[in-house]
């Protein structure tokens, strides 16, 4: 039995498609999250959704419109 050790969990990109937020992490892993879980994002315009920036080298994402921060180091 072999065990893989994940060295980094930093996100490298975020996009929105089909009512989901897609987060791509270093190493190519992808996470799809339903916008239904986040009412502000679900009801946001395309411009508001795309007004984000990474914080801490991809450890989190910040939406300026709502002062909303999500930490992505969950793996």
PDB file of N, CA and C in Angstrom:
ATOM      1  N   UNK A   1       0.846  -1.176   0.000  1.00  0.00           N
ATOM      2  CA  UNK A   1       0.000   0.000   0.000  1.00  0.00           C
ATOM      3  C   UNK A   1       0.890   1.237   0.000  1.00  0.00           C
ATOM      4  N   UNK A   2       0.602   2.154  -0.901  1.00  0.00           N
ATOM      5  CA  UNK A   2       1.379   3.387  -0.949  1.00  0.00           C
ATOM      6  C   UNK A   2       0.513   4.557  -0.503  1.00  0.00           C
ATOM      7  N   UNK A   3       1.165   5.550   0.024  1.00  0.00           N
ATOM      8  CA  UNK A   3       0.473   6.742   0.511  1.00  0.00           C
ATOM      9  C   UNK A   3       1.030   7.947  -0.227  1.00  0.00           C
ATOM     10  N   UNK A   4       0.142   8.754  -0.770  1.00  0.00           N
ATOM     11  CA  UNK A   4       0.558   9.993  -1.426  1.00  0.00           C
ATOM     12  C   UNK A   4       0.522  11.124  -0.422  1.00  0.00           C
ATOM     13  N   UNK A   5       1.549  11.923  -0.432  1.00  0.00           N
ATOM     14  CA  UNK A   5       1.588  13.088   0.440  1.00  0.00           C
ATOM     15  C   UNK A   5       1.405  14.325  -0.423  1.00  0.00           C
ATOM     16  N   UNK A   6       0.403  15.111  -0.106  1.00  0.00           N
ATOM     17  CA  UNK A   6       0.134  16.339  -0.838  1.00  0.00           C
ATOM     18  C   UNK A   6       0.960  17.445  -0.203  1.00  0.00           C
ATOM     19  N   UNK A   7       1.858  18.022  -0.983  1.00  0.00           N
ATOM     20  CA  UNK A   7       2.761  19.036  -0.443  1.00  0.00           C
ATOM     21  C   UNK A   7       2.157  20.429  -0.437  1.00  0.00           C
ATOM     22  N   UNK A   8       1.230  20.692  -1.345  1.00  0.00           N
ATOM     23  CA  UNK A   8       0.664  22.032  -1.427  1.00  0.00           C
ATOM     24  C   UNK A   8      -0.830  21.958  -1.676  1.00  0.00           C
ATOM     25  N   UNK A   9      -1.556  22.839  -1.050  1.00  0.00           N
ATOM     26  CA  UNK A   9      -3.001  22.901  -1.264  1.00  0.00           C
ATOM     27  C   UNK A   9      -3.414  24.275  -1.760  1.00  0.00           C
ATOM     28  N   UNK A  10      -2.486  25.016  -2.306  1.00  0.00           N
ATOM     29  CA  UNK A  10      -2.810  26.364  -2.766  1.00  0.00           C
ATOM     30  C   UNK A  10      -3.591  26.325  -4.067  1.00  0.00           C
ATOM     31  N   UNK A  11      -4.580  27.190  -4.159  1.00  0.00           N
ATOM     32  CA  UNK A  11      -5.378  27.311  -5.375  1.00  0.00           C
ATOM     33  C   UNK A  11      -4.605  28.112  -6.413  1.00  0.00           C
ATOM     34  N   UNK A  12      -4.842  27.775  -7.690  1.00  0.00           N
ATOM     35  CA  UNK A  12      -4.182  28.507  -8.772  1.00  0.00           C
ATOM     36  C   UNK A  12      -5.184  29.206  -9.684  1.00  0.00           C
ATOM     37  N   UNK A  13      -6.455  28.780  -9.655  1.00  0.00           N
ATOM     38  CA  UNK A  13      -7.464  29.477 -10.457  1.00  0.00           C
ATOM     39  C   UNK A  13      -8.861  29.222  -9.903  1.00  0.00           C
ATOM     40  N   UNK A  14      -9.735  30.160 -10.198  1.00  0.00           N
ATOM     41  CA  UNK A  14     -11.146  30.050  -9.835  1.00  0.00           C
ATOM     42  C   UNK A  14     -11.952  30.483 -11.045  1.00  0.00           C
ATOM     43  N   UNK A  15     -12.998  29.705 -11.339  1.00  0.00           N
ATOM     44  CA  UNK A  15     -13.910  30.074 -12.418  1.00  0.00           C
ATOM     45  C   UNK A  15     -15.323  29.671 -12.011  1.00  0.00           C
ATOM     46  N   UNK A  16     -16.280  30.138 -12.774  1.00  0.00           N
ATOM     47  CA  UNK A  16     -17.685  29.869 -12.480  1.00  0.00           C
ATOM     48  C   UNK A  16     -18.343  29.299 -13.722  1.00  0.00           C
ATOM     49  N   UNK A  17     -19.055  28.177 -13.539  1.00  0.00           N
ATOM     50  CA  UNK A  17     -19.739  27.540 -14.657  1.00  0.00           C
ATOM     51  C   UNK A  17     -20.897  26.701 -14.135  1.00  0.00           C
ATOM     52  N   UNK A  18     -21.996  26.723 -14.851  1.00  0.00           N
ATOM     53  CA  UNK A  18     -23.164  25.898 -14.513  1.00  0.00           C
ATOM     54  C   UNK A  18     -23.555  26.006 -13.039  1.00  0.00           C
ATOM     55  N   UNK A  19     -23.609  27.221 -12.513  1.00  0.00           N
ATOM     56  CA  UNK A  19     -24.008  27.474 -11.129  1.00  0.00           C
ATOM     57  C   UNK A  19     -23.079  26.814 -10.112  1.00  0.00           C
ATOM     58  N   UNK A  20     -21.819  26.666 -10.498  1.00  0.00           N
ATOM     59  CA  UNK A  20     -20.813  26.108  -9.600  1.00  0.00           C
ATOM     60  C   UNK A  20     -19.552  26.972  -9.646  1.00  0.00           C
ATOM     61  N   UNK A  21     -18.826  26.964  -8.526  1.00  0.00           N
ATOM     62  CA  UNK A  21     -17.513  27.591  -8.467  1.00  0.00           C
ATOM     63  C   UNK A  21     -16.487  26.470  -8.623  1.00  0.00           C
ATOM     64  N   UNK A  22     -15.585  26.626  -9.570  1.00  0.00           N
ATOM     65  CA  UNK A  22     -14.546  25.635  -9.819  1.00  0.00           C
ATOM     66  C   UNK A  22     -13.221  26.187  -9.325  1.00  0.00           C
ATOM     67  N   UNK A  23     -12.606  25.464  -8.404  1.00  0.00           N
ATOM     68  CA  UNK A  23     -11.310  25.853  -7.865  1.00  0.00           C
ATOM     69  C   UNK A  23     -10.295  24.815  -8.321  1.00  0.00           C
ATOM     70  N   UNK A  24      -9.218  25.274  -8.947  1.00  0.00           N
ATOM     71  CA  UNK A  24      -8.141  24.389  -9.379  1.00  0.00           C
ATOM     72  C   UNK A  24      -6.947  24.635  -8.464  1.00  0.00           C
ATOM     73  N   UNK A  25      -6.404  23.536  -7.929  1.00  0.00           N
ATOM     74  CA  UNK A  25      -5.283  23.609  -7.002  1.00  0.00           C
ATOM     75  C   UNK A  25      -3.990  23.221  -7.708  1.00  0.00           C
ATOM     76  N   UNK A  26      -2.867  23.613  -7.112  1.00  0.00           N
ATOM     77  CA  UNK A  26      -1.569  23.178  -7.620  1.00  0.00           C
ATOM     78  C   UNK A  26      -1.600  21.659  -7.718  1.00  0.00           C
ATOM     79  N   UNK A  27      -1.025  21.123  -8.754  1.00  0.00           N
ATOM     80  CA  UNK A  27      -1.042  19.678  -8.945  1.00  0.00           C
ATOM     81  C   UNK A  27      -2.218  19.214  -9.788  1.00  0.00           C
ATOM     82  N   UNK A  28      -3.146  20.134 -10.101  1.00  0.00           N
ATOM     83  CA  UNK A  28      -4.241  19.808 -11.003  1.00  0.00           C
ATOM     84  C   UNK A  28      -5.538  19.351 -10.368  1.00  0.00           C
ATOM     85  N   UNK A  29      -5.579  19.198  -9.056  1.00  0.00           N
ATOM     86  CA  UNK A  29      -6.844  18.799  -8.423  1.00  0.00           C
ATOM     87  C   UNK A  29      -7.875  19.891  -8.598  1.00  0.00           C
ATOM     88  N   UNK A  30      -9.136  19.481  -8.771  1.00  0.00           N
ATOM     89  CA  UNK A  30     -10.228  20.431  -8.971  1.00  0.00           C
ATOM     90  C   UNK A  30     -11.326  20.182  -7.947  1.00  0.00           C
ATOM     91  N   UNK A  31     -11.951  21.262  -7.539  1.00  0.00           N
ATOM     92  CA  UNK A  31     -13.067  21.195  -6.600  1.00  0.00           C
ATOM     93  C   UNK A  31     -14.213  22.010  -7.177  1.00  0.00           C
ATOM     94  N   UNK A  32     -15.384  21.389  -7.319  1.00  0.00           N
ATOM     95  CA  UNK A  32     -16.587  22.083  -7.781  1.00  0.00           C
ATOM     96  C   UNK A  32     -17.513  22.266  -6.590  1.00  0.00           C
ATOM     97  N   UNK A  33     -17.927  23.503  -6.350  1.00  0.00           N
ATOM     98  CA  UNK A  33     -18.784  23.822  -5.210  1.00  0.00           C
ATOM     99  C   UNK A  33     -20.052  24.482  -5.731  1.00  0.00           C
ATOM    100  N   UNK A  34     -21.229  23.952  -5.374  1.00  0.00           N
ATOM    101  CA  UNK A  34     -22.481  24.587  -5.818  1.00  0.00           C
ATOM    102  C   UNK A  34     -22.606  25.999  -5.249  1.00  0.00           C
ATOM    103  N   UNK A  35     -22.946  26.959  -6.107  1.00  0.00           N
ATOM    104  CA  UNK A  35     -23.157  28.327  -5.633  1.00  0.00           C
ATOM    105  C   UNK A  35     -24.356  28.405  -4.698  1.00  0.00           C
ATOM    106  N   UNK A  36     -25.220  27.411  -4.737  1.00  0.00           N
ATOM    107  CA  UNK A  36     -26.377  27.347  -3.847  1.00  0.00           C
ATOM    108  C   UNK A  36     -25.945  27.420  -2.380  1.00  0.00           C
ATOM    109  N   UNK A  37     -24.754  26.951  -2.082  1.00  0.00           N
ATOM    110  CA  UNK A  37     -24.246  26.968  -0.712  1.00  0.00           C
ATOM    111  C   UNK A  37     -23.874  28.366  -0.237  1.00  0.00           C
ATOM    112  N   UNK A  38     -23.709  29.302  -1.175  1.00  0.00           N
ATOM    113  CA  UNK A  38     -23.287  30.663  -0.851  1.00  0.00           C
ATOM    114  C   UNK A  38     -24.242  31.656  -1.505  1.00  0.00           C
ATOM    115  N   UNK A  39     -25.309  32.049  -0.815  1.00  0.00           N
ATOM    116  CA  UNK A  39     -26.340  32.903  -1.419  1.00  0.00           C
ATOM    117  C   UNK A  39     -25.802  34.174  -2.076  1.00  0.00           C
ATOM    118  N   UNK A  40     -24.812  34.823  -1.483  1.00  0.00           N
ATOM    119  CA  UNK A  40     -24.284  36.051  -2.104  1.00  0.00           C
ATOM    120  C   UNK A  40     -23.647  35.749  -3.450  1.00  0.00           C
ATOM    121  N   UNK A  41     -22.937  34.646  -3.543  1.00  0.00           N
ATOM    122  CA  UNK A  41     -22.337  34.276  -4.819  1.00  0.00           C
ATOM    123  C   UNK A  41     -23.405  33.799  -5.801  1.00  0.00           C
ATOM    124  N   UNK A  42     -24.364  33.065  -5.315  1.00  0.00           N
ATOM    125  CA  UNK A  42     -25.446  32.565  -6.172  1.00  0.00           C
ATOM    126  C   UNK A  42     -26.198  33.708  -6.834  1.00  0.00           C
ATOM    127  N   UNK A  43     -26.427  34.789  -6.100  1.00  0.00           N
ATOM    128  CA  UNK A  43     -27.207  35.920  -6.606  1.00  0.00           C
ATOM    129  C   UNK A  43     -26.352  37.008  -7.257  1.00  0.00           C
ATOM    130  N   UNK A  44     -25.061  36.789  -7.334  1.00  0.00           N
ATOM    131  CA  UNK A  44     -24.148  37.809  -7.862  1.00  0.00           C
ATOM    132  C   UNK A  44     -24.196  37.880  -9.383  1.00  0.00           C
ATOM    133  N   UNK A  45     -23.854  39.052  -9.889  1.00  0.00           N
ATOM    134  CA  UNK A  45     -23.694  39.218 -11.337  1.00  0.00           C
ATOM    135  C   UNK A  45     -22.359  38.595 -11.750  1.00  0.00           C
ATOM    136  N   UNK A  46     -22.184  38.419 -13.042  1.00  0.00           N
ATOM    137  CA  UNK A  46     -20.921  37.880 -13.545  1.00  0.00           C
ATOM    138  C   UNK A  46     -19.757  38.789 -13.157  1.00  0.00           C
ATOM    139  N   UNK A  47     -19.980  40.085 -13.232  1.00  0.00           N
ATOM    140  CA  UNK A  47     -18.948  41.051 -12.859  1.00  0.00           C
ATOM    141  C   UNK A  47     -18.574  40.914 -11.382  1.00  0.00           C
ATOM    142  N   UNK A  48     -19.568  40.757 -10.518  1.00  0.00           N
ATOM    143  CA  UNK A  48     -19.302  40.601  -9.082  1.00  0.00           C
ATOM    144  C   UNK A  48     -18.568  39.294  -8.804  1.00  0.00           C
ATOM    145  N   UNK A  49     -18.971  38.215  -9.461  1.00  0.00           N
ATOM    146  CA  UNK A  49     -18.302  36.926  -9.258  1.00  0.00           C
ATOM    147  C   UNK A  49     -16.827  37.001  -9.617  1.00  0.00           C
ATOM    148  N   UNK A  50     -16.530  37.724 -10.669  1.00  0.00           N
ATOM    149  CA  UNK A  50     -15.154  37.772 -11.157  1.00  0.00           C
ATOM    150  C   UNK A  50     -14.312  38.865 -10.510  1.00  0.00           C
ATOM    151  N   UNK A  51     -14.843  39.526  -9.486  1.00  0.00           N
ATOM    152  CA  UNK A  51     -14.108  40.566  -8.767  1.00  0.00           C
ATOM    153  C   UNK A  51     -13.484  39.969  -7.500  1.00  0.00           C
ATOM    154  N   UNK A  52     -12.610  39.004  -7.686  1.00  0.00           N
ATOM    155  CA  UNK A  52     -11.969  38.314  -6.574  1.00  0.00           C
ATOM    156  C   UNK A  52     -10.452  38.405  -6.726  1.00  0.00           C
ATOM    157  N   UNK A  53      -9.758  38.059  -5.646  1.00  0.00           N
ATOM    158  CA  UNK A  53      -8.296  37.956  -5.684  1.00  0.00           C
ATOM    159  C   UNK A  53      -7.873  36.894  -4.680  1.00  0.00           C
ATOM    160  N   UNK A  54      -6.769  36.238  -4.967  1.00  0.00           N
ATOM    161  CA  UNK A  54      -6.217  35.279  -4.015  1.00  0.00           C
ATOM    162  C   UNK A  54      -5.545  36.024  -2.880  1.00  0.00           C
ATOM    163  N   UNK A  55      -5.570  35.428  -1.714  1.00  0.00           N
ATOM    164  CA  UNK A  55      -4.809  35.939  -0.573  1.00  0.00           C
ATOM    165  C   UNK A  55      -3.877  34.824  -0.108  1.00  0.00           C
ATOM    166  N   UNK A  56      -2.740  35.203   0.436  1.00  0.00           N
ATOM    167  CA  UNK A  56      -1.797  34.222   0.981  1.00  0.00           C
ATOM    168  C   UNK A  56      -1.331  33.184  -0.011  1.00  0.00           C
ATOM    169  N   UNK A  57      -0.949  33.567  -1.208  1.00  0.00           N
ATOM    170  CA  UNK A  57      -0.445  32.628  -2.226  1.00  0.00           C
ATOM    171  C   UNK A  57      -1.448  31.533  -2.575  1.00  0.00           C
ATOM    172  N   UNK A  58      -2.726  31.853  -2.579  1.00  0.00           N
ATOM    173  CA  UNK A  58      -3.747  30.882  -2.962  1.00  0.00           C
ATOM    174  C   UNK A  58      -4.332  30.106  -1.804  1.00  0.00           C
ATOM    175  N   UNK A  59      -4.064  30.551  -0.588  1.00  0.00           N
ATOM    176  CA  UNK A  59      -4.632  29.887   0.584  1.00  0.00           C
ATOM    177  C   UNK A  59      -6.064  30.324   0.842  1.00  0.00           C
ATOM    178  N   UNK A  60      -6.464  31.401   0.224  1.00  0.00           N
ATOM    179  CA  UNK A  60      -7.823  31.916   0.391  1.00  0.00           C
ATOM    180  C   UNK A  60      -8.187  32.793  -0.783  1.00  0.00           C
ATOM    181  N   UNK A  61      -9.455  33.160  -0.839  1.00  0.00           N
ATOM    182  CA  UNK A  61      -9.937  34.043  -1.899  1.00  0.00           C
ATOM    183  C   UNK A  61     -10.781  35.130  -1.252  1.00  0.00           C
ATOM    184  N   UNK A  62     -10.677  36.338  -1.781  1.00  0.00           N
ATOM    185  CA  UNK A  62     -11.371  37.491  -1.213  1.00  0.00           C
ATOM    186  C   UNK A  62     -12.202  38.149  -2.298  1.00  0.00           C
ATOM    187  N   UNK A  63     -13.492  38.389  -1.998  1.00  0.00           N
ATOM    188  CA  UNK A  63     -14.365  39.143  -2.898  1.00  0.00           C
ATOM    189  C   UNK A  63     -14.511  40.543  -2.341  1.00  0.00           C
ATOM    190  N   UNK A  64     -14.003  41.514  -3.056  1.00  0.00           N
ATOM    191  CA  UNK A  64     -14.015  42.900  -2.601  1.00  0.00           C
ATOM    192  C   UNK A  64     -15.438  43.418  -2.408  1.00  0.00           C
ATOM    193  N   UNK A  65     -16.368  42.977  -3.257  1.00  0.00           N
ATOM    194  CA  UNK A  65     -17.751  43.470  -3.206  1.00  0.00           C
ATOM    195  C   UNK A  65     -18.388  43.271  -1.830  1.00  0.00           C
ATOM    196  N   UNK A  66     -18.050  42.167  -1.183  1.00  0.00           N
ATOM    197  CA  UNK A  66     -18.745  41.824   0.064  1.00  0.00           C
ATOM    198  C   UNK A  66     -17.801  41.676   1.248  1.00  0.00           C
ATOM    199  N   UNK A  67     -16.520  41.992   1.060  1.00  0.00           N
ATOM    200  CA  UNK A  67     -15.552  41.780   2.136  1.00  0.00           C
ATOM    201  C   UNK A  67     -15.594  40.322   2.585  1.00  0.00           C
ATOM    202  N   UNK A  68     -15.844  39.417   1.649  1.00  0.00           N
ATOM    203  CA  UNK A  68     -15.998  37.996   1.943  1.00  0.00           C
ATOM    204  C   UNK A  68     -14.683  37.277   1.682  1.00  0.00           C
ATOM    205  N   UNK A  69     -14.256  36.452   2.635  1.00  0.00           N
ATOM    206  CA  UNK A  69     -13.024  35.685   2.493  1.00  0.00           C
ATOM    207  C   UNK A  69     -13.336  34.212   2.719  1.00  0.00           C
ATOM    208  N   UNK A  70     -12.860  33.361   1.823  1.00  0.00           N
ATOM    209  CA  UNK A  70     -12.964  31.912   1.990  1.00  0.00           C
ATOM    210  C   UNK A  70     -11.557  31.360   2.094  1.00  0.00           C
ATOM    211  N   UNK A  71     -11.304  30.554   3.107  1.00  0.00           N
ATOM    212  CA  UNK A  71     -10.015  29.887   3.222  1.00  0.00           C
ATOM    213  C   UNK A  71     -10.104  28.575   2.468  1.00  0.00           C
ATOM    214  N   UNK A  72      -9.089  28.269   1.673  1.00  0.00           N
ATOM    215  CA  UNK A  72      -9.121  27.107   0.802  1.00  0.00           C
ATOM    216  C   UNK A  72      -8.252  25.963   1.289  1.00  0.00           C
ATOM    217  N   UNK A  73      -7.578  26.121   2.381  1.00  0.00           N
ATOM    218  CA  UNK A  73      -6.697  25.056   2.873  1.00  0.00           C
ATOM    219  C   UNK A  73      -7.524  24.027   3.631  1.00  0.00           C
ATOM    220  N   UNK A  74      -8.265  23.231   2.883  1.00  0.00           N
ATOM    221  CA  UNK A  74      -9.161  22.267   3.511  1.00  0.00           C
ATOM    222  C   UNK A  74      -8.741  20.836   3.272  1.00  0.00           C
ATOM    223  N   UNK A  75      -7.692  20.621   2.513  1.00  0.00           N
ATOM    224  CA  UNK A  75      -7.273  19.258   2.193  1.00  0.00           C
ATOM    225  C   UNK A  75      -6.036  18.877   2.961  1.00  0.00           C
TER     226      UNK A  75
END
